[in-house]
């Protein structure tokens, strides 16, 4: 049995636009939509374009949660989850992130 693996670097760009959601934005929920375009040279040369969407929630002062979905013809539909925690909390309990 033989297995070949090829790594390919791509160059390109991605961009997104968004911000606080209309009603829940004051509680830390942001929404973003965007797109990307990449091309590569070499064994697996070619290009691909795709779309993305992302939700980012500031749970409290110390914790953020996010989910991102991307879709293109090369890698298909992908979902990523992120949890960001303050590495050095100040010792106080985190307050809920309601914005004035």
N, C-alpha and C. Protein backbone atom coordinates (compact mmCIF):
# COMPACT_ATOMS: atom_id res chain seq x y z
N UNK A 1 0.84 -1.17 0.00
CA UNK A 1 0.00 0.00 0.00
C UNK A 1 0.89 1.24 0.00
N UNK A 2 0.56 2.19 -0.84
CA UNK A 2 1.34 3.41 -0.96
C UNK A 2 0.43 4.60 -0.70
N UNK A 3 0.94 5.56 0.05
CA UNK A 3 0.17 6.75 0.39
C UNK A 3 1.02 7.97 0.07
N UNK A 4 0.51 8.86 -0.73
CA UNK A 4 1.20 10.10 -1.07
C UNK A 4 0.46 11.28 -0.46
N UNK A 5 1.23 12.19 0.08
CA UNK A 5 0.66 13.40 0.66
C UNK A 5 1.30 14.61 0.00
N UNK A 6 0.48 15.59 -0.34
CA UNK A 6 0.98 16.80 -0.99
C UNK A 6 0.49 18.01 -0.20
N UNK A 7 1.42 18.89 0.11
CA UNK A 7 1.06 20.15 0.75
C UNK A 7 1.10 21.25 -0.30
N UNK A 8 0.14 22.16 -0.21
CA UNK A 8 0.04 23.23 -1.20
C UNK A 8 -0.21 24.54 -0.47
N UNK A 9 0.62 25.53 -0.75
CA UNK A 9 0.37 26.86 -0.19
C UNK A 9 -0.45 27.67 -1.19
N UNK A 10 -1.32 28.49 -0.66
CA UNK A 10 -2.19 29.33 -1.49
C UNK A 10 -1.96 30.79 -1.13
N UNK A 11 -2.12 31.65 -2.09
CA UNK A 11 -2.09 33.09 -1.82
C UNK A 11 -3.46 33.65 -2.21
N UNK A 12 -3.85 34.71 -1.55
CA UNK A 12 -5.15 35.29 -1.85
C UNK A 12 -5.58 36.23 -0.76
N UNK A 13 -6.89 36.36 -0.59
CA UNK A 13 -7.42 37.28 0.41
C UNK A 13 -8.76 36.79 0.92
N UNK A 14 -9.13 37.30 2.06
CA UNK A 14 -10.49 37.12 2.57
C UNK A 14 -10.92 38.42 3.20
N UNK A 15 -12.21 38.67 3.20
CA UNK A 15 -12.77 39.90 3.76
C UNK A 15 -14.14 39.60 4.35
N UNK A 16 -14.48 40.34 5.39
CA UNK A 16 -15.80 40.18 5.98
C UNK A 16 -16.32 41.52 6.44
N UNK A 17 -17.65 41.59 6.57
CA UNK A 17 -18.33 42.81 6.97
C UNK A 17 -19.37 42.43 8.00
N UNK A 18 -19.47 43.20 9.06
CA UNK A 18 -20.47 42.90 10.07
C UNK A 18 -20.28 43.74 11.31
N UNK A 19 -20.98 43.33 12.36
CA UNK A 19 -20.91 44.04 13.63
C UNK A 19 -22.01 43.56 14.55
N UNK A 20 -22.38 44.36 15.51
CA UNK A 20 -23.42 43.96 16.46
C UNK A 20 -24.75 43.67 15.77
N UNK A 21 -25.42 42.63 16.21
CA UNK A 21 -26.74 42.30 15.66
C UNK A 21 -27.76 43.31 16.15
N UNK A 22 -28.88 43.50 15.42
CA UNK A 22 -29.83 44.56 15.77
C UNK A 22 -30.37 44.52 17.20
N UNK A 23 -30.82 43.39 17.69
CA UNK A 23 -31.43 43.37 19.02
C UNK A 23 -30.46 42.83 20.07
N UNK A 24 -29.77 41.72 19.75
CA UNK A 24 -28.90 41.07 20.73
C UNK A 24 -27.49 41.65 20.75
N UNK A 25 -27.20 42.62 19.90
CA UNK A 25 -25.89 43.25 19.89
C UNK A 25 -25.51 43.90 21.20
N UNK A 26 -26.49 44.42 21.90
CA UNK A 26 -26.20 45.05 23.20
C UNK A 26 -25.79 44.03 24.24
N UNK A 27 -26.03 42.74 23.97
CA UNK A 27 -25.60 41.68 24.87
C UNK A 27 -24.33 40.98 24.38
N UNK A 28 -23.68 41.54 23.35
CA UNK A 28 -22.40 41.02 22.92
C UNK A 28 -22.42 40.09 21.73
N UNK A 29 -23.56 39.98 20.99
CA UNK A 29 -23.63 39.08 19.84
C UNK A 29 -23.36 39.86 18.55
N UNK A 30 -22.31 39.47 17.84
CA UNK A 30 -21.94 40.08 16.56
C UNK A 30 -22.09 39.06 15.44
N UNK A 31 -22.42 39.54 14.26
CA UNK A 31 -22.62 38.69 13.09
C UNK A 31 -21.80 39.25 11.92
N UNK A 32 -21.14 38.35 11.17
CA UNK A 32 -20.29 38.77 10.05
C UNK A 32 -20.55 37.87 8.84
N UNK A 33 -20.49 38.43 7.65
CA UNK A 33 -20.55 37.67 6.40
C UNK A 33 -19.37 38.11 5.55
N UNK A 34 -18.88 37.20 4.72
CA UNK A 34 -17.72 37.55 3.91
C UNK A 34 -17.46 36.56 2.81
N UNK A 35 -16.34 36.75 2.18
CA UNK A 35 -15.93 35.87 1.10
C UNK A 35 -14.42 35.79 1.03
N UNK A 36 -13.93 34.86 0.23
CA UNK A 36 -12.50 34.69 0.08
C UNK A 36 -12.18 34.16 -1.30
N UNK A 37 -10.95 34.39 -1.72
CA UNK A 37 -10.46 33.92 -3.01
C UNK A 37 -8.98 33.58 -2.86
N UNK A 38 -8.59 32.36 -3.22
CA UNK A 38 -7.21 31.92 -3.11
C UNK A 38 -6.79 31.20 -4.38
N UNK A 39 -5.51 31.28 -4.70
CA UNK A 39 -4.97 30.55 -5.85
C UNK A 39 -3.61 29.97 -5.45
N UNK A 40 -3.25 28.88 -6.11
CA UNK A 40 -1.99 28.23 -5.79
C UNK A 40 -1.27 27.77 -7.04
N UNK A 41 0.03 27.58 -6.91
CA UNK A 41 0.86 27.06 -7.98
C UNK A 41 1.46 25.74 -7.51
N UNK A 42 1.89 24.91 -8.43
CA UNK A 42 2.51 23.65 -8.05
C UNK A 42 1.68 22.47 -8.52
N UNK A 43 1.84 21.36 -7.81
CA UNK A 43 1.17 20.11 -8.21
C UNK A 43 -0.34 20.27 -8.21
N UNK A 44 -0.87 20.90 -7.17
CA UNK A 44 -2.33 21.09 -7.07
C UNK A 44 -2.67 22.54 -7.35
N UNK A 45 -2.20 23.04 -8.47
CA UNK A 45 -2.47 24.45 -8.78
C UNK A 45 -3.95 24.65 -9.09
N UNK A 46 -4.36 25.87 -9.01
CA UNK A 46 -5.75 26.20 -9.27
C UNK A 46 -6.19 27.29 -8.32
N UNK A 47 -7.45 27.62 -8.39
CA UNK A 47 -7.98 28.66 -7.52
C UNK A 47 -9.35 28.25 -7.02
N UNK A 48 -9.75 28.89 -5.95
CA UNK A 48 -11.10 28.66 -5.43
C UNK A 48 -11.58 29.92 -4.73
N UNK A 49 -12.89 30.09 -4.73
CA UNK A 49 -13.56 31.20 -4.07
C UNK A 49 -14.65 30.61 -3.18
N UNK A 50 -14.97 31.31 -2.13
CA UNK A 50 -16.01 30.82 -1.24
C UNK A 50 -16.65 31.92 -0.43
N UNK A 51 -17.64 31.52 0.35
CA UNK A 51 -18.36 32.45 1.22
C UNK A 51 -18.22 31.97 2.67
N UNK A 52 -18.39 32.92 3.60
CA UNK A 52 -18.28 32.57 5.01
C UNK A 52 -19.28 33.39 5.82
N UNK A 53 -19.64 32.85 6.96
CA UNK A 53 -20.48 33.53 7.93
C UNK A 53 -19.96 33.23 9.31
N UNK A 54 -20.06 34.20 10.21
CA UNK A 54 -19.50 34.02 11.55
C UNK A 54 -20.37 34.71 12.58
N UNK A 55 -20.60 34.04 13.72
CA UNK A 55 -21.24 34.63 14.89
C UNK A 55 -20.21 34.66 16.01
N UNK A 56 -20.11 35.78 16.70
CA UNK A 56 -19.17 35.93 17.81
C UNK A 56 -19.95 36.47 19.00
N UNK A 57 -19.90 35.76 20.13
CA UNK A 57 -20.65 36.18 21.32
C UNK A 57 -19.69 36.43 22.47
N UNK A 58 -19.81 37.60 23.07
CA UNK A 58 -19.05 37.94 24.27
C UNK A 58 -19.92 37.48 25.44
N UNK A 59 -19.61 36.30 26.00
CA UNK A 59 -20.44 35.71 27.05
C UNK A 59 -20.37 36.53 28.34
N UNK A 60 -19.16 36.81 28.79
CA UNK A 60 -18.94 37.71 29.91
C UNK A 60 -17.59 38.38 29.71
N UNK A 61 -17.08 39.04 30.71
CA UNK A 61 -15.82 39.77 30.52
C UNK A 61 -14.64 38.84 30.22
N UNK A 62 -14.74 37.57 30.58
CA UNK A 62 -13.61 36.66 30.45
C UNK A 62 -13.76 35.60 29.36
N UNK A 63 -14.95 35.43 28.78
CA UNK A 63 -15.19 34.33 27.85
C UNK A 63 -15.91 34.82 26.58
N UNK A 64 -15.40 34.38 25.42
CA UNK A 64 -16.05 34.61 24.13
C UNK A 64 -16.29 33.25 23.47
N UNK A 65 -17.36 33.16 22.69
CA UNK A 65 -17.67 31.95 21.94
C UNK A 65 -17.96 32.34 20.51
N UNK A 66 -17.48 31.56 19.56
CA UNK A 66 -17.72 31.86 18.16
C UNK A 66 -17.96 30.61 17.34
N UNK A 67 -18.65 30.78 16.24
CA UNK A 67 -18.86 29.70 15.26
C UNK A 67 -18.74 30.33 13.88
N UNK A 68 -18.03 29.64 12.99
CA UNK A 68 -17.84 30.12 11.62
C UNK A 68 -18.14 28.99 10.65
N UNK A 69 -18.82 29.32 9.56
CA UNK A 69 -19.15 28.36 8.51
C UNK A 69 -18.58 28.88 7.20
N UNK A 70 -17.84 28.03 6.47
CA UNK A 70 -17.31 28.39 5.16
C UNK A 70 -17.76 27.36 4.14
N UNK A 71 -17.86 27.78 2.87
CA UNK A 71 -18.27 26.86 1.82
C UNK A 71 -17.58 27.27 0.52
N UNK A 72 -16.92 26.29 -0.12
CA UNK A 72 -16.32 26.49 -1.43
C UNK A 72 -16.24 25.14 -2.14
N UNK A 73 -15.91 25.17 -3.44
CA UNK A 73 -15.92 23.93 -4.22
C UNK A 73 -14.69 23.05 -3.97
N UNK A 74 -13.64 23.58 -3.36
CA UNK A 74 -12.43 22.79 -3.09
C UNK A 74 -12.52 22.03 -1.77
N UNK A 75 -12.89 22.72 -0.70
CA UNK A 75 -12.92 22.11 0.63
C UNK A 75 -14.33 21.81 1.12
N UNK A 76 -15.34 22.23 0.38
CA UNK A 76 -16.72 21.95 0.76
C UNK A 76 -17.18 22.80 1.94
N UNK A 77 -18.16 22.28 2.65
CA UNK A 77 -18.76 22.97 3.79
C UNK A 77 -17.97 22.63 5.05
N UNK A 78 -17.50 23.66 5.76
CA UNK A 78 -16.72 23.47 6.98
C UNK A 78 -17.28 24.34 8.09
N UNK A 79 -17.23 23.83 9.31
CA UNK A 79 -17.68 24.56 10.48
C UNK A 79 -16.56 24.59 11.51
N UNK A 80 -16.33 25.74 12.11
CA UNK A 80 -15.31 25.89 13.15
C UNK A 80 -15.96 26.51 14.38
N UNK A 81 -15.56 26.02 15.55
CA UNK A 81 -16.02 26.58 16.81
C UNK A 81 -14.82 27.15 17.55
N UNK A 82 -15.01 28.29 18.20
CA UNK A 82 -13.94 28.91 18.97
C UNK A 82 -14.45 29.24 20.37
N UNK A 83 -13.62 28.99 21.36
CA UNK A 83 -13.88 29.43 22.73
C UNK A 83 -12.63 30.17 23.18
N UNK A 84 -12.78 31.43 23.54
CA UNK A 84 -11.66 32.26 23.97
C UNK A 84 -11.85 32.60 25.43
N UNK A 85 -10.85 32.29 26.24
CA UNK A 85 -10.91 32.58 27.68
C UNK A 85 -9.76 33.49 28.05
N UNK A 86 -10.03 34.40 28.96
CA UNK A 86 -8.99 35.28 29.47
C UNK A 86 -7.96 34.43 30.20
N UNK A 87 -6.72 34.49 29.76
CA UNK A 87 -5.67 33.66 30.34
C UNK A 87 -5.27 34.12 31.74
N UNK A 88 -5.45 35.39 32.03
CA UNK A 88 -5.06 35.94 33.32
C UNK A 88 -6.20 36.72 33.93
N UNK A 89 -7.24 36.03 34.40
CA UNK A 89 -8.36 36.77 35.00
C UNK A 89 -7.88 37.55 36.23
N UNK A 90 -8.58 38.62 36.51
CA UNK A 90 -8.17 39.50 37.61
C UNK A 90 -8.63 39.02 38.98
N UNK A 91 -9.22 37.83 39.06
CA UNK A 91 -9.67 37.30 40.33
C UNK A 91 -11.11 37.61 40.64
N UNK A 92 -11.70 38.57 39.92
CA UNK A 92 -13.11 38.91 40.13
C UNK A 92 -13.95 38.02 39.22
N UNK A 93 -15.17 37.78 39.61
CA UNK A 93 -16.05 37.01 38.74
C UNK A 93 -16.43 37.86 37.53
N UNK A 94 -16.51 37.21 36.36
CA UNK A 94 -16.83 37.94 35.14
C UNK A 94 -18.27 38.41 35.11
N UNK A 95 -18.49 39.64 34.70
CA UNK A 95 -19.84 40.18 34.58
C UNK A 95 -20.38 39.85 33.20
N UNK A 96 -21.68 39.74 33.10
CA UNK A 96 -22.31 39.54 31.81
C UNK A 96 -22.11 40.77 30.97
N UNK A 97 -21.93 40.58 29.68
CA UNK A 97 -21.45 41.65 28.81
C UNK A 97 -22.55 42.50 28.22
N UNK A 98 -23.50 42.97 29.02
CA UNK A 98 -24.51 43.89 28.50
C UNK A 98 -23.87 45.24 28.29
N UNK A 99 -24.06 45.78 27.10
CA UNK A 99 -23.48 47.08 26.79
C UNK A 99 -24.53 48.16 27.05
N UNK A 100 -24.11 49.33 27.52
CA UNK A 100 -25.07 50.39 27.82
C UNK A 100 -25.70 50.95 26.55
